[in-house]
PDB file of N, CA and C in Angstrom:
ATOM      1  N   MET A   1     -47.535  75.514 -10.409  1.00  0.00           N
ATOM      2  CA  MET A   1     -47.079  76.445  -9.142  1.00  0.00           C
ATOM      3  C   MET A   1     -47.363  75.925  -7.875  1.00  0.00           C
ATOM      4  N   LYS A   2     -48.523  75.178  -7.642  1.00  0.00           N
ATOM      5  CA  LYS A   2     -48.901  74.635  -6.428  1.00  0.00           C
ATOM      6  C   LYS A   2     -47.754  73.457  -5.955  1.00  0.00           C
ATOM      7  N   LYS A   3     -47.064  72.744  -6.952  1.00  0.00           N
ATOM      8  CA  LYS A   3     -46.014  71.888  -6.326  1.00  0.00           C
ATOM      9  C   LYS A   3     -44.768  72.665  -5.795  1.00  0.00           C
ATOM     10  N   LEU A   4     -44.444  73.655  -6.784  1.00  0.00           N
ATOM     11  CA  LEU A   4     -43.265  74.589  -6.287  1.00  0.00           C
ATOM     12  C   LEU A   4     -43.624  75.262  -4.964  1.00  0.00           C
ATOM     13  N   ALA A   5     -44.961  75.743  -4.701  1.00  0.00           N
ATOM     14  CA  ALA A   5     -45.126  76.489  -3.636  1.00  0.00           C
ATOM     15  C   ALA A   5     -44.911  75.452  -2.377  1.00  0.00           C
ATOM     16  N   ARG A   6     -45.544  74.246  -2.576  1.00  0.00           N
ATOM     17  CA  ARG A   6     -45.460  73.185  -1.660  1.00  0.00           C
ATOM     18  C   ARG A   6     -43.918  72.930  -1.218  1.00  0.00           C
ATOM     19  N   LEU A   7     -43.115  72.861  -2.250  1.00  0.00           N
ATOM     20  CA  LEU A   7     -41.665  72.575  -1.916  1.00  0.00           C
ATOM     21  C   LEU A   7     -40.982  73.827  -1.346  1.00  0.00           C
ATOM     22  N   ILE A   8     -41.137  74.985  -1.815  1.00  0.00           N
ATOM     23  CA  ILE A   8     -40.599  76.299  -1.044  1.00  0.00           C
ATOM     24  C   ILE A   8     -41.390  76.430  -0.010  1.00  0.00           C
ATOM     25  N   GLY A   9     -42.572  76.299   0.264  1.00  0.00           N
ATOM     26  CA  GLY A   9     -43.422  76.434   1.491  1.00  0.00           C
ATOM     27  C   GLY A   9     -43.849  77.972   1.576  1.00  0.00           C
ATOM     28  N   ASP A  10     -43.750  78.626   0.662  1.00  0.00           N
ATOM     29  CA  ASP A  10     -44.445  79.895   0.487  1.00  0.00           C
ATOM     30  C   ASP A  10     -44.860  80.215  -0.927  1.00  0.00           C
ATOM     31  N   GLU A  11     -46.261  80.371  -1.186  1.00  0.00           N
ATOM     32  CA  GLU A  11     -46.749  80.707  -2.377  1.00  0.00           C
ATOM     33  C   GLU A  11     -46.322  81.643  -3.056  1.00  0.00           C
ATOM     34  N   GLU A  12     -46.175  82.993  -2.399  1.00  0.00           N
ATOM     35  CA  GLU A  12     -45.823  84.318  -2.885  1.00  0.00           C
ATOM     36  C   GLU A  12     -44.166  84.075  -3.398  1.00  0.00           C
ATOM     37  N   ARG A  13     -43.433  83.318  -2.712  1.00  0.00           N
ATOM     38  CA  ARG A  13     -41.908  83.152  -3.260  1.00  0.00           C
ATOM     39  C   ARG A  13     -42.027  82.208  -4.352  1.00  0.00           C
ATOM     40  N   ALA A  14     -42.857  81.362  -4.370  1.00  0.00           N
ATOM     41  CA  ALA A  14     -43.052  80.296  -5.545  1.00  0.00           C
ATOM     42  C   ALA A  14     -43.507  81.163  -6.812  1.00  0.00           C
ATOM     43  N   MET A  15     -44.580  81.931  -6.770  1.00  0.00           N
ATOM     44  CA  MET A  15     -44.927  82.929  -7.914  1.00  0.00           C
ATOM     45  C   MET A  15     -44.017  83.706  -8.420  1.00  0.00           C
ATOM     46  N   HIS A  16     -43.272  84.238  -7.609  1.00  0.00           N
ATOM     47  CA  HIS A  16     -42.190  85.215  -7.999  1.00  0.00           C
ATOM     48  C   HIS A  16     -41.061  84.453  -8.603  1.00  0.00           C
ATOM     49  N   LYS A  17     -40.607  83.441  -8.083  1.00  0.00           N
ATOM     50  CA  LYS A  17     -39.680  82.377  -8.775  1.00  0.00           C
ATOM     51  C   LYS A  17     -39.878  81.968 -10.226  1.00  0.00           C
ATOM     52  N   ILE A  18     -41.476  81.560 -10.359  1.00  0.00           N
ATOM     53  CA  ILE A  18     -41.638  81.053 -11.478  1.00  0.00           C
ATOM     54  C   ILE A  18     -41.739  82.321 -12.565  1.00  0.00           C
ATOM     55  N   GLN A  19     -42.231  83.358 -12.143  1.00  0.00           N
ATOM     56  CA  GLN A  19     -42.054  84.522 -13.091  1.00  0.00           C
ATOM     57  C   GLN A  19     -40.733  84.840 -13.486  1.00  0.00           C
ATOM     58  N   ARG A  20     -39.871  84.749 -12.547  1.00  0.00           N
ATOM     59  CA  ARG A  20     -38.486  84.801 -12.914  1.00  0.00           C
ATOM     60  C   ARG A  20     -37.878  83.791 -13.859  1.00  0.00           C
ATOM     61  N   LEU A  21     -38.245  82.595 -13.594  1.00  0.00           N
ATOM     62  CA  LEU A  21     -37.903  81.399 -14.264  1.00  0.00           C
ATOM     63  C   LEU A  21     -38.320  81.755 -15.770  1.00  0.00           C
ATOM     64  N   ARG A  22     -39.733  82.039 -16.013  1.00  0.00           N
ATOM     65  CA  ARG A  22     -40.364  82.000 -17.290  1.00  0.00           C
ATOM     66  C   ARG A  22     -39.679  83.152 -18.132  1.00  0.00           C
ATOM     67  N   SER A  23     -39.385  84.153 -17.418  1.00  0.00           N
ATOM     68  CA  SER A  23     -38.772  85.265 -18.212  1.00  0.00           C
ATOM     69  C   SER A  23     -37.291  85.109 -18.527  1.00  0.00           C
ATOM     70  N   LEU A  24     -36.739  84.225 -17.824  1.00  0.00           N
ATOM     71  CA  LEU A  24     -35.235  83.585 -18.256  1.00  0.00           C
ATOM     72  C   LEU A  24     -35.278  82.863 -19.482  1.00  0.00           C
ATOM     73  N   VAL A  25     -36.340  82.113 -19.594  1.00  0.00           N
ATOM     74  CA  VAL A  25     -36.806  81.117 -20.621  1.00  0.00           C
ATOM     75  C   VAL A  25     -37.010  81.897 -21.810  1.00  0.00           C
ATOM     76  N   ASP A  26     -37.744  82.865 -21.720  1.00  0.00           N
ATOM     77  CA  ASP A  26     -38.034  83.769 -22.976  1.00  0.00           C
ATOM     78  C   ASP A  26     -36.714  84.255 -23.549  1.00  0.00           C
ATOM     79  N   VAL A  27     -35.942  84.870 -22.635  1.00  0.00           N
ATOM     80  CA  VAL A  27     -34.649  85.562 -23.008  1.00  0.00           C
ATOM     81  C   VAL A  27     -33.650  84.188 -23.756  1.00  0.00           C
ATOM     82  N   ILE A  28     -33.648  83.096 -23.091  1.00  0.00           N
ATOM     83  CA  ILE A  28     -32.836  81.959 -23.602  1.00  0.00           C
ATOM     84  C   ILE A  28     -33.336  81.536 -25.041  1.00  0.00           C
ATOM     85  N   GLU A  29     -34.703  81.489 -25.039  1.00  0.00           N
ATOM     86  CA  GLU A  29     -35.355  81.043 -26.488  1.00  0.00           C
ATOM     87  C   GLU A  29     -35.147  81.946 -27.538  1.00  0.00           C
ATOM     88  N   SER A  30     -34.939  83.345 -27.182  1.00  0.00           N
ATOM     89  CA  SER A  30     -34.818  84.201 -28.173  1.00  0.00           C
ATOM     90  C   SER A  30     -33.096  84.308 -28.731  1.00  0.00           C
ATOM     91  N   ASP A  31     -32.279  84.111 -27.550  1.00  0.00           N
ATOM     92  CA  ASP A  31     -30.933  83.999 -27.768  1.00  0.00           C
ATOM     93  C   ASP A  31     -30.457  82.724 -28.479  1.00  0.00           C
ATOM     94  N   VAL A  32     -31.180  81.869 -28.313  1.00  0.00           N
ATOM     95  CA  VAL A  32     -30.498  80.393 -29.040  1.00  0.00           C
ATOM     96  C   VAL A  32     -30.959  80.264 -30.329  1.00  0.00           C
ATOM     97  N   GLN A  33     -31.545  81.018 -31.083  1.00  0.00           N
ATOM     98  CA  GLN A  33     -32.048  80.617 -32.501  1.00  0.00           C
ATOM     99  C   GLN A  33     -30.887  80.599 -33.376  1.00  0.00           C
ATOM    100  N   ASP A  34     -29.786  81.571 -33.182  1.00  0.00           N
ATOM    101  CA  ASP A  34     -28.568  81.529 -33.999  1.00  0.00           C
ATOM    102  C   ASP A  34     -28.002  80.241 -34.045  1.00  0.00           C
ATOM    103  N   GLU A  35     -27.802  79.728 -32.740  1.00  0.00           N
ATOM    104  CA  GLU A  35     -27.230  78.451 -32.271  1.00  0.00           C
ATOM    105  C   GLU A  35     -28.029  77.420 -32.645  1.00  0.00           C
ATOM    106  N   VAL A  36     -29.339  77.123 -32.855  1.00  0.00           N
ATOM    107  CA  VAL A  36     -30.004  76.274 -33.284  1.00  0.00           C
ATOM    108  C   VAL A  36     -29.793  76.125 -34.782  1.00  0.00           C
ATOM    109  N   LYS A  37     -29.716  77.353 -35.558  1.00  0.00           N
ATOM    110  CA  LYS A  37     -29.411  77.111 -36.914  1.00  0.00           C
ATOM    111  C   LYS A  37     -28.065  76.485 -37.369  1.00  0.00           C
ATOM    112  N   ILE A  38     -26.957  76.895 -36.447  1.00  0.00           N
ATOM    113  CA  ILE A  38     -25.773  76.280 -36.629  1.00  0.00           C
ATOM    114  C   ILE A  38     -25.963  74.727 -36.395  1.00  0.00           C
ATOM    115  N   PHE A  39     -26.397  74.209 -35.201  1.00  0.00           N
ATOM    116  CA  PHE A  39     -26.522  72.942 -34.866  1.00  0.00           C
ATOM    117  C   PHE A  39     -27.242  72.182 -35.952  1.00  0.00           C
ATOM    118  N   LYS A  40     -28.285  72.662 -36.562  1.00  0.00           N
ATOM    119  CA  LYS A  40     -29.083  71.964 -37.839  1.00  0.00           C
ATOM    120  C   LYS A  40     -28.320  71.980 -38.803  1.00  0.00           C
ATOM    121  N   ALA A  41     -27.661  72.968 -39.035  1.00  0.00           N
ATOM    122  CA  ALA A  41     -26.638  72.827 -40.243  1.00  0.00           C
ATOM    123  C   ALA A  41     -25.472  71.892 -40.007  1.00  0.00           C
ATOM    124  N   LEU A  42     -25.005  71.449 -38.824  1.00  0.00           N
ATOM    125  CA  LEU A  42     -24.183  70.360 -38.438  1.00  0.00           C
ATOM    126  C   LEU A  42     -24.575  69.081 -38.352  1.00  0.00           C
ATOM    127  N   SER A  43     -25.904  69.137 -38.281  1.00  0.00           N
ATOM    128  CA  SER A  43     -26.726  67.747 -38.247  1.00  0.00           C
ATOM    129  C   SER A  43     -26.676  66.638 -39.351  1.00  0.00           C
ATOM    130  N   ASP A  44     -26.066  67.211 -40.636  1.00  0.00           N
ATOM    131  CA  ASP A  44     -26.228  66.385 -41.872  1.00  0.00           C
ATOM    132  C   ASP A  44     -24.861  65.839 -41.978  1.00  0.00           C
ATOM    133  N   PRO A  45     -24.795  64.532 -42.257  1.00  0.00           N
ATOM    134  CA  PRO A  45     -23.392  64.115 -42.637  1.00  0.00           C
ATOM    135  C   PRO A  45     -22.736  64.839 -44.061  1.00  0.00           C
ATOM    136  N   CYS A  46     -23.657  65.055 -44.986  1.00  0.00           N
ATOM    137  CA  CYS A  46     -22.975  65.539 -46.236  1.00  0.00           C
ATOM    138  C   CYS A  46     -22.539  67.105 -46.025  1.00  0.00           C
ATOM    139  N   ARG A  47     -23.305  67.750 -45.037  1.00  0.00           N
ATOM    140  CA  ARG A  47     -22.621  69.233 -44.745  1.00  0.00           C
ATOM    141  C   ARG A  47     -21.559  68.945 -43.674  1.00  0.00           C
ATOM    142  N   LEU A  48     -21.346  68.052 -42.987  1.00  0.00           N
ATOM    143  CA  LEU A  48     -19.948  67.692 -42.351  1.00  0.00           C
ATOM    144  C   LEU A  48     -18.890  67.311 -43.176  1.00  0.00           C
ATOM    145  N   ALA A  49     -19.144  66.533 -44.102  1.00  0.00           N
ATOM    146  CA  ALA A  49     -18.386  66.361 -45.161  1.00  0.00           C
ATOM    147  C   ALA A  49     -17.864  67.532 -45.928  1.00  0.00           C
ATOM    148  N   ILE A  50     -18.547  68.441 -46.280  1.00  0.00           N
ATOM    149  CA  ILE A  50     -18.420  69.762 -47.120  1.00  0.00           C
ATOM    150  C   ILE A  50     -17.460  70.513 -46.207  1.00  0.00           C
ATOM    151  N   LEU A  51     -17.826  70.559 -44.837  1.00  0.00           N
ATOM    152  CA  LEU A  51     -17.027  71.328 -43.839  1.00  0.00           C
ATOM    153  C   LEU A  51     -15.521  70.778 -43.830  1.00  0.00           C
ATOM    154  N   LYS A  52     -15.456  69.335 -43.828  1.00  0.00           N
ATOM    155  CA  LYS A  52     -14.211  68.897 -43.643  1.00  0.00           C
ATOM    156  C   LYS A  52     -13.447  68.970 -44.726  1.00  0.00           C
ATOM    157  N   LEU A  53     -14.008  68.964 -45.901  1.00  0.00           N
ATOM    158  CA  LEU A  53     -13.379  69.400 -47.221  1.00  0.00           C
ATOM    159  C   LEU A  53     -12.877  70.723 -47.180  1.00  0.00           C
ATOM    160  N   LEU A  54     -13.516  71.581 -46.783  1.00  0.00           N
ATOM    161  CA  LEU A  54     -13.199  73.153 -46.871  1.00  0.00           C
ATOM    162  C   LEU A  54     -12.033  73.401 -45.778  1.00  0.00           C
ATOM    163  N   GLN A  55     -11.914  72.406 -44.927  1.00  0.00           N
ATOM    164  CA  GLN A  55     -10.737  72.759 -44.069  1.00  0.00           C
ATOM    165  C   GLN A  55      -9.369  72.671 -44.889  1.00  0.00           C
ATOM    166  N   ASN A  56      -9.455  72.194 -46.065  1.00  0.00           N
ATOM    167  CA  ASN A  56      -8.187  72.379 -46.995  1.00  0.00           C
ATOM    168  C   ASN A  56      -8.107  73.291 -47.724  1.00  0.00           C
ATOM    169  N   GLY A  57      -9.077  74.216 -47.823  1.00  0.00           N
ATOM    170  CA  GLY A  57      -9.127  75.260 -48.745  1.00  0.00           C
ATOM    171  C   GLY A  57     -10.237  75.697 -49.275  1.00  0.00           C
ATOM    172  N   GLU A  58     -10.318  76.682 -50.120  1.00  0.00           N
ATOM    173  CA  GLU A  58     -11.455  77.209 -51.061  1.00  0.00           C
ATOM    174  C   GLU A  58     -11.706  76.270 -52.139  1.00  0.00           C
ATOM    175  N   PHE A  59     -12.826  75.941 -52.344  1.00  0.00           N
ATOM    176  CA  PHE A  59     -13.185  75.083 -53.582  1.00  0.00           C
ATOM    177  C   PHE A  59     -14.550  75.542 -54.386  1.00  0.00           C
ATOM    178  N   CYS A  60     -14.844  75.390 -55.534  1.00  0.00           N
ATOM    179  CA  CYS A  60     -15.921  75.812 -56.213  1.00  0.00           C
ATOM    180  C   CYS A  60     -16.969  74.616 -56.248  1.00  0.00           C
ATOM    181  N   VAL A  61     -18.229  74.970 -56.423  1.00  0.00           N
ATOM    182  CA  VAL A  61     -19.200  73.836 -56.276  1.00  0.00           C
ATOM    183  C   VAL A  61     -18.884  72.628 -56.779  1.00  0.00           C
ATOM    184  N   CYS A  62     -18.476  72.853 -58.227  1.00  0.00           N
ATOM    185  CA  CYS A  62     -18.123  71.548 -59.231  1.00  0.00           C
ATOM    186  C   CYS A  62     -16.945  70.733 -58.398  1.00  0.00           C
ATOM    187  N   GLU A  63     -16.198  71.299 -57.731  1.00  0.00           N
ATOM    188  CA  GLU A  63     -14.970  70.508 -57.049  1.00  0.00           C
ATOM    189  C   GLU A  63     -15.642  69.831 -55.764  1.00  0.00           C
ATOM    190  N   ILE A  64     -16.546  70.607 -55.171  1.00  0.00           N
ATOM    191  CA  ILE A  64     -17.286  69.943 -54.157  1.00  0.00           C
ATOM    192  C   ILE A  64     -18.000  68.734 -54.389  1.00  0.00           C
ATOM    193  N   MET A  65     -18.874  68.972 -55.550  1.00  0.00           N
ATOM    194  CA  MET A  65     -19.938  68.009 -55.992  1.00  0.00           C
ATOM    195  C   MET A  65     -19.216  66.674 -56.323  1.00  0.00           C
ATOM    196  N   THR A  66     -17.977  66.980 -57.185  1.00  0.00           N
ATOM    197  CA  THR A  66     -17.479  65.779 -57.671  1.00  0.00           C
ATOM    198  C   THR A  66     -16.593  65.082 -56.276  1.00  0.00           C
ATOM    199  N   ALA A  67     -15.972  65.775 -55.458  1.00  0.00           N
ATOM    200  CA  ALA A  67     -15.363  65.001 -54.218  1.00  0.00           C
ATOM    201  C   ALA A  67     -16.617  64.278 -53.574  1.00  0.00           C
ATOM    202  N   LEU A  68     -17.923  64.780 -53.428  1.00  0.00           N
ATOM    203  CA  LEU A  68     -18.783  63.979 -52.704  1.00  0.00           C
ATOM    204  C   LEU A  68     -19.736  63.085 -53.563  1.00  0.00           C
ATOM    205  N   ASP A  69     -19.251  63.240 -54.628  1.00  0.00           N
ATOM    206  CA  ASP A  69     -20.093  62.345 -55.620  1.00  0.00           C
ATOM    207  C   ASP A  69     -21.679  62.644 -55.627  1.00  0.00           C
ATOM    208  N   ARG A  70     -22.037  63.861 -55.688  1.00  0.00           N
ATOM    209  CA  ARG A  70     -23.633  64.244 -55.406  1.00  0.00           C
ATOM    210  C   ARG A  70     -23.645  65.202 -56.526  1.00  0.00           C
ATOM    211  N   PRO A  71     -25.134  65.222 -57.052  1.00  0.00           N
ATOM    212  CA  PRO A  71     -25.516  66.094 -57.916  1.00  0.00           C
ATOM    213  C   PRO A  71     -25.450  67.709 -57.289  1.00  0.00           C
ATOM    214  N   GLN A  72     -25.206  68.628 -58.547  1.00  0.00           N
ATOM    215  CA  GLN A  72     -24.998  69.951 -58.278  1.00  0.00           C
ATOM    216  C   GLN A  72     -26.106  70.481 -57.291  1.00  0.00           C
ATOM    217  N   SER A  73     -27.441  70.272 -57.764  1.00  0.00           N
ATOM    218  CA  SER A  73     -28.708  70.716 -56.957  1.00  0.00           C
ATOM    219  C   SER A  73     -28.333  70.281 -55.504  1.00  0.00           C
ATOM    220  N   THR A  74     -28.237  69.140 -55.018  1.00  0.00           N
ATOM    221  CA  THR A  74     -27.877  68.833 -53.765  1.00  0.00           C
ATOM    222  C   THR A  74     -26.772  69.496 -52.968  1.00  0.00           C
ATOM    223  N   THR A  75     -25.671  69.464 -53.874  1.00  0.00           N
ATOM    224  CA  THR A  75     -24.590  70.223 -53.282  1.00  0.00           C
ATOM    225  C   THR A  75     -24.765  71.768 -52.858  1.00  0.00           C
ATOM    226  N   SER A  76     -25.522  72.201 -53.885  1.00  0.00           N
ATOM    227  CA  SER A  76     -25.866  73.851 -53.786  1.00  0.00           C
ATOM    228  C   SER A  76     -26.661  73.977 -52.651  1.00  0.00           C
ATOM    229  N   HIS A  77     -27.636  73.089 -52.376  1.00  0.00           N
ATOM    230  CA  HIS A  77     -28.760  73.120 -51.213  1.00  0.00           C
ATOM    231  C   HIS A  77     -27.832  73.234 -49.892  1.00  0.00           C
ATOM    232  N   HIS A  78     -27.135  72.093 -50.093  1.00  0.00           N
ATOM    233  CA  HIS A  78     -26.252  71.916 -48.710  1.00  0.00           C
ATOM    234  C   HIS A  78     -25.369  73.308 -48.419  1.00  0.00           C
ATOM    235  N   LEU A  79     -24.676  73.636 -49.538  1.00  0.00           N
ATOM    236  CA  LEU A  79     -23.997  74.901 -49.386  1.00  0.00           C
ATOM    237  C   LEU A  79     -24.734  76.318 -48.849  1.00  0.00           C
ATOM    238  N   SER A  80     -26.027  76.019 -49.470  1.00  0.00           N
ATOM    239  CA  SER A  80     -26.768  77.319 -48.896  1.00  0.00           C
ATOM    240  C   SER A  80     -27.150  77.230 -47.433  1.00  0.00           C
ATOM    241  N   ILE A  81     -27.294  76.115 -46.895  1.00  0.00           N
ATOM    242  CA  ILE A  81     -27.639  75.890 -45.266  1.00  0.00           C
ATOM    243  C   ILE A  81     -26.632  76.333 -44.676  1.00  0.00           C
ATOM    244  N   LEU A  82     -25.181  75.825 -45.038  1.00  0.00           N
ATOM    245  CA  LEU A  82     -24.024  75.994 -44.131  1.00  0.00           C
ATOM    246  C   LEU A  82     -23.820  77.606 -44.372  1.00  0.00           C
ATOM    247  N   LYS A  83     -24.184  78.196 -45.430  1.00  0.00           N
ATOM    248  CA  LYS A  83     -23.821  79.707 -45.696  1.00  0.00           C
ATOM    249  C   LYS A  83     -24.859  80.285 -44.938  1.00  0.00           C
ATOM    250  N   ASP A  84     -26.013  79.931 -44.894  1.00  0.00           N
ATOM    251  CA  ASP A  84     -26.932  80.801 -43.963  1.00  0.00           C
ATOM    252  C   ASP A  84     -26.906  80.674 -42.431  1.00  0.00           C
ATOM    253  N   ALA A  85     -26.016  79.490 -42.071  1.00  0.00           N
ATOM    254  CA  ALA A  85     -25.722  79.421 -40.734  1.00  0.00           C
ATOM    255  C   ALA A  85     -24.510  80.128 -40.295  1.00  0.00           C
ATOM    256  N   GLY A  86     -23.796  80.775 -41.244  1.00  0.00           N
ATOM    257  CA  GLY A  86     -22.563  81.595 -41.190  1.00  0.00           C
ATOM    258  C   GLY A  86     -21.499  80.772 -40.914  1.00  0.00           C
ATOM    259  N   LEU A  87     -21.597  79.343 -41.523  1.00  0.00           N
ATOM    260  CA  LEU A  87     -20.352  78.327 -41.270  1.00  0.00           C
ATOM    261  C   LEU A  87     -19.498  78.539 -42.377  1.00  0.00           C
ATOM    262  N   ILE A  88     -19.950  78.889 -43.566  1.00  0.00           N
ATOM    263  CA  ILE A  88     -18.968  79.163 -44.699  1.00  0.00           C
ATOM    264  C   ILE A  88     -19.236  80.582 -45.327  1.00  0.00           C
ATOM    265  N   LYS A  89     -18.267  80.793 -46.265  1.00  0.00           N
ATOM    266  CA  LYS A  89     -18.260  82.191 -46.991  1.00  0.00           C
ATOM    267  C   LYS A  89     -18.246  81.705 -48.491  1.00  0.00           C
ATOM    268  N   GLU A  90     -18.897  82.563 -49.485  1.00  0.00           N
ATOM    269  CA  GLU A  90     -18.851  82.638 -50.740  1.00  0.00           C
ATOM    270  C   GLU A  90     -18.220  83.540 -51.264  1.00  0.00           C
ATOM    271  N   ARG A  91     -17.446  83.313 -52.229  1.00  0.00           N
ATOM    272  CA  ARG A  91     -16.695  84.391 -53.215  1.00  0.00           C
ATOM    273  C   ARG A  91     -16.849  84.114 -54.440  1.00  0.00           C
ATOM    274  N   LYS A  92     -17.632  85.064 -55.308  1.00  0.00           N
ATOM    275  CA  LYS A  92     -17.739  84.855 -56.685  1.00  0.00           C
ATOM    276  C   LYS A  92     -16.396  85.232 -57.516  1.00  0.00           C
ATOM    277  N   VAL A  93     -16.323  84.399 -58.277  1.00  0.00           N
ATOM    278  CA  VAL A  93     -15.207  84.552 -59.448  1.00  0.00           C
ATOM    279  C   VAL A  93     -15.860  84.586 -60.854  1.00  0.00           C
ATOM    280  N   GLY A  94     -16.271  85.495 -61.214  1.00  0.00           N
ATOM    281  CA  GLY A  94     -16.921  85.473 -62.493  1.00  0.00           C
ATOM    282  C   GLY A  94     -18.342  84.766 -62.391  1.00  0.00           C
ATOM    283  N   LYS A  95     -18.363  83.582 -63.167  1.00  0.00           N
ATOM    284  CA  LYS A  95     -19.637  82.929 -62.901  1.00  0.00           C
ATOM    285  C   LYS A  95     -19.737  81.845 -61.953  1.00  0.00           C
ATOM    286  N   TRP A  96     -18.457  81.653 -61.428  1.00  0.00           N
ATOM    287  CA  TRP A  96     -18.222  80.640 -60.289  1.00  0.00           C
ATOM    288  C   TRP A  96     -18.512  81.036 -59.049  1.00  0.00           C
ATOM    289  N   SER A  97     -18.663  80.175 -58.042  1.00  0.00           N
ATOM    290  CA  SER A  97     -18.944  80.398 -56.787  1.00  0.00           C
ATOM    291  C   SER A  97     -17.783  79.561 -56.056  1.00  0.00           C
ATOM    292  N   ASN A  98     -16.900  80.283 -55.357  1.00  0.00           N
ATOM    293  CA  ASN A  98     -16.088  79.547 -54.508  1.00  0.00           C
ATOM    294  C   ASN A  98     -16.436  79.433 -52.979  1.00  0.00           C
ATOM    295  N   TYR A  99     -16.317  78.495 -52.251  1.00  0.00           N
ATOM    296  CA  TYR A  99     -16.551  78.486 -50.712  1.00  0.00           C
ATOM    297  C   TYR A  99     -15.424  78.180 -50.067  1.00  0.00           C
ATOM    298  N   ARG A 100     -15.503  78.689 -48.750  1.00  0.00           N
ATOM    299  CA  ARG A 100     -14.443  78.510 -47.763  1.00  0.00           C
ATOM    300  C   ARG A 100     -15.028  78.440 -46.357  1.00  0.00           C
ATOM    301  N   LEU A 101     -14.410  78.034 -45.302  1.00  0.00           N
ATOM    302  CA  LEU A 101     -14.758  78.018 -44.101  1.00  0.00           C
ATOM    303  C   LEU A 101     -14.943  79.625 -43.662  1.00  0.00           C
ATOM    304  N   ALA A 102     -15.860  79.960 -42.918  1.00  0.00           N
ATOM    305  CA  ALA A 102     -16.013  81.230 -42.494  1.00  0.00           C
ATOM    306  C   ALA A 102     -15.125  81.845 -41.400  1.00  0.00           C
ATOM    307  N   ASP A 103     -14.575  80.855 -40.619  1.00  0.00           N
ATOM    308  CA  ASP A 103     -13.645  81.399 -39.592  1.00  0.00           C
ATOM    309  C   ASP A 103     -13.027  80.162 -38.943  1.00  0.00           C
ATOM    310  N   GLY A 104     -12.024  80.356 -38.267  1.00  0.00           N
ATOM    311  CA  GLY A 104     -11.350  79.127 -37.702  1.00  0.00           C
ATOM    312  C   GLY A 104     -12.048  78.531 -36.601  1.00  0.00           C
ATOM    313  N   ALA A 105     -13.138  79.222 -36.023  1.00  0.00           N
ATOM    314  CA  ALA A 105     -14.139  78.579 -34.918  1.00  0.00           C
ATOM    315  C   ALA A 105     -14.870  77.491 -35.460  1.00  0.00           C
ATOM    316  N   VAL A 106     -15.053  77.469 -36.861  1.00  0.00           N
ATOM    317  CA  VAL A 106     -15.898  76.227 -37.443  1.00  0.00           C
ATOM    318  C   VAL A 106     -14.906  74.956 -37.229  1.00  0.00           C
ATOM    319  N   ILE A 107     -13.708  75.009 -37.515  1.00  0.00           N
ATOM    320  CA  ILE A 107     -12.758  73.933 -37.153  1.00  0.00           C
ATOM    321  C   ILE A 107     -12.572  73.481 -35.726  1.00  0.00           C
ATOM    322  N   GLU A 108     -13.022  74.571 -34.880  1.00  0.00           N
ATOM    323  CA  GLU A 108     -12.779  74.183 -33.472  1.00  0.00           C
ATOM    324  C   GLU A 108     -14.174  73.506 -32.906  1.00  0.00           C
ATOM    325  N   ILE A 109     -15.169  73.988 -33.601  1.00  0.00           N
ATOM    326  CA  ILE A 109     -16.508  73.212 -33.169  1.00  0.00           C
ATOM    327  C   ILE A 109     -16.337  71.852 -33.762  1.00  0.00           C
ATOM    328  N   MET A 110     -15.737  71.679 -34.910  1.00  0.00           N
ATOM    329  CA  MET A 110     -15.627  70.147 -35.253  1.00  0.00           C
ATOM    330  C   MET A 110     -14.935  69.270 -34.386  1.00  0.00           C
ATOM    331  N   ASN A 111     -13.599  69.851 -34.092  1.00  0.00           N
ATOM    332  CA  ASN A 111     -12.704  69.289 -33.097  1.00  0.00           C
ATOM    333  C   ASN A 111     -13.457  68.875 -31.988  1.00  0.00           C
ATOM    334  N   GLN A 112     -14.200  69.972 -31.447  1.00  0.00           N
ATOM    335  CA  GLN A 112     -14.847  69.753 -29.909  1.00  0.00           C
ATOM    336  C   GLN A 112     -15.801  68.486 -30.241  1.00  0.00           C
ATOM    337  N   ALA A 113     -16.578  68.484 -31.410  1.00  0.00           N
ATOM    338  CA  ALA A 113     -17.572  67.281 -31.695  1.00  0.00           C
ATOM    339  C   ALA A 113     -16.852  65.841 -31.696  1.00  0.00           C
ATOM    340  N   ARG A 114     -15.651  66.016 -32.391  1.00  0.00           N
ATOM    341  CA  ARG A 114     -14.853  64.742 -32.466  1.00  0.00           C
ATOM    342  C   ARG A 114     -14.420  64.383 -31.047  1.00  0.00           C
ATOM    343  N   LEU A 115     -13.998  65.357 -30.187  1.00  0.00           N
ATOM    344  CA  LEU A 115     -13.697  64.962 -28.764  1.00  0.00           C
ATOM    345  C   LEU A 115     -14.898  64.405 -28.231  1.00  0.00           C
ATOM    346  N   LEU A 116     -15.906  65.040 -28.119  1.00  0.00           N
ATOM    347  CA  LEU A 116     -17.234  64.638 -27.495  1.00  0.00           C
ATOM    348  C   LEU A 116     -17.568  63.132 -27.874  1.00  0.00           C
ATOM    349  N   SER A 117     -17.348  62.790 -29.189  1.00  0.00           N
ATOM    350  CA  SER A 117     -17.716  61.696 -29.714  1.00  0.00           C
ATOM    351  C   SER A 117     -16.895  60.486 -29.319  1.00  0.00           C
ATOM    352  N   LYS A 118     -15.604  60.775 -28.917  1.00  0.00           N
ATOM    353  CA  LYS A 118     -14.413  59.867 -28.401  1.00  0.00           C
ATOM    354  C   LYS A 118     -15.027  59.560 -26.829  1.00  0.00           C
ATOM    355  N   LEU A 119     -15.468  60.571 -26.296  1.00  0.00           N
ATOM    356  CA  LEU A 119     -15.934  60.442 -24.770  1.00  0.00           C
ATOM    357  C   LEU A 119     -16.890  59.332 -24.650  1.00  0.00           C
ATOM    358  N   GLN A 120     -17.960  59.325 -25.745  1.00  0.00           N
ATOM    359  CA  GLN A 120     -19.046  58.413 -25.663  1.00  0.00           C
ATOM    360  C   GLN A 120     -18.598  56.963 -26.085  1.00  0.00           C
ATOM    361  N   LYS A 121     -17.337  56.610 -26.273  1.00  0.00           N
ATOM    362  CA  LYS A 121     -17.019  55.190 -26.796  1.00  0.00           C
ATOM    363  C   LYS A 121     -16.479  54.594 -25.421  1.00  0.00           C
TER     364      LYS A 121
END
């Protein structure tokens, strides 16, 4: 606080500003938890591959694991993370579970990520 008070030139204004900033941070931290969950889900290459695959339609776990050449347990784990983040939806058909993208916004997120990666080159 002393540094801010020195910069602002008024200790009372500095204290008020710090309190306001801290309350903003508290609100921001509580608001970003859902976004954090989404970005964590997107941070794995296997999960990104699943999302890219699901851009082509709905698939069962056996199709996804075959396409990715991954064990069923690993595939199911990744699908669970994507589902918990709200990126995919599950539809039960008898004893089978089919998965699809939850919304067109998922494709848009991936398109934006691709554009950002091209800007880095």
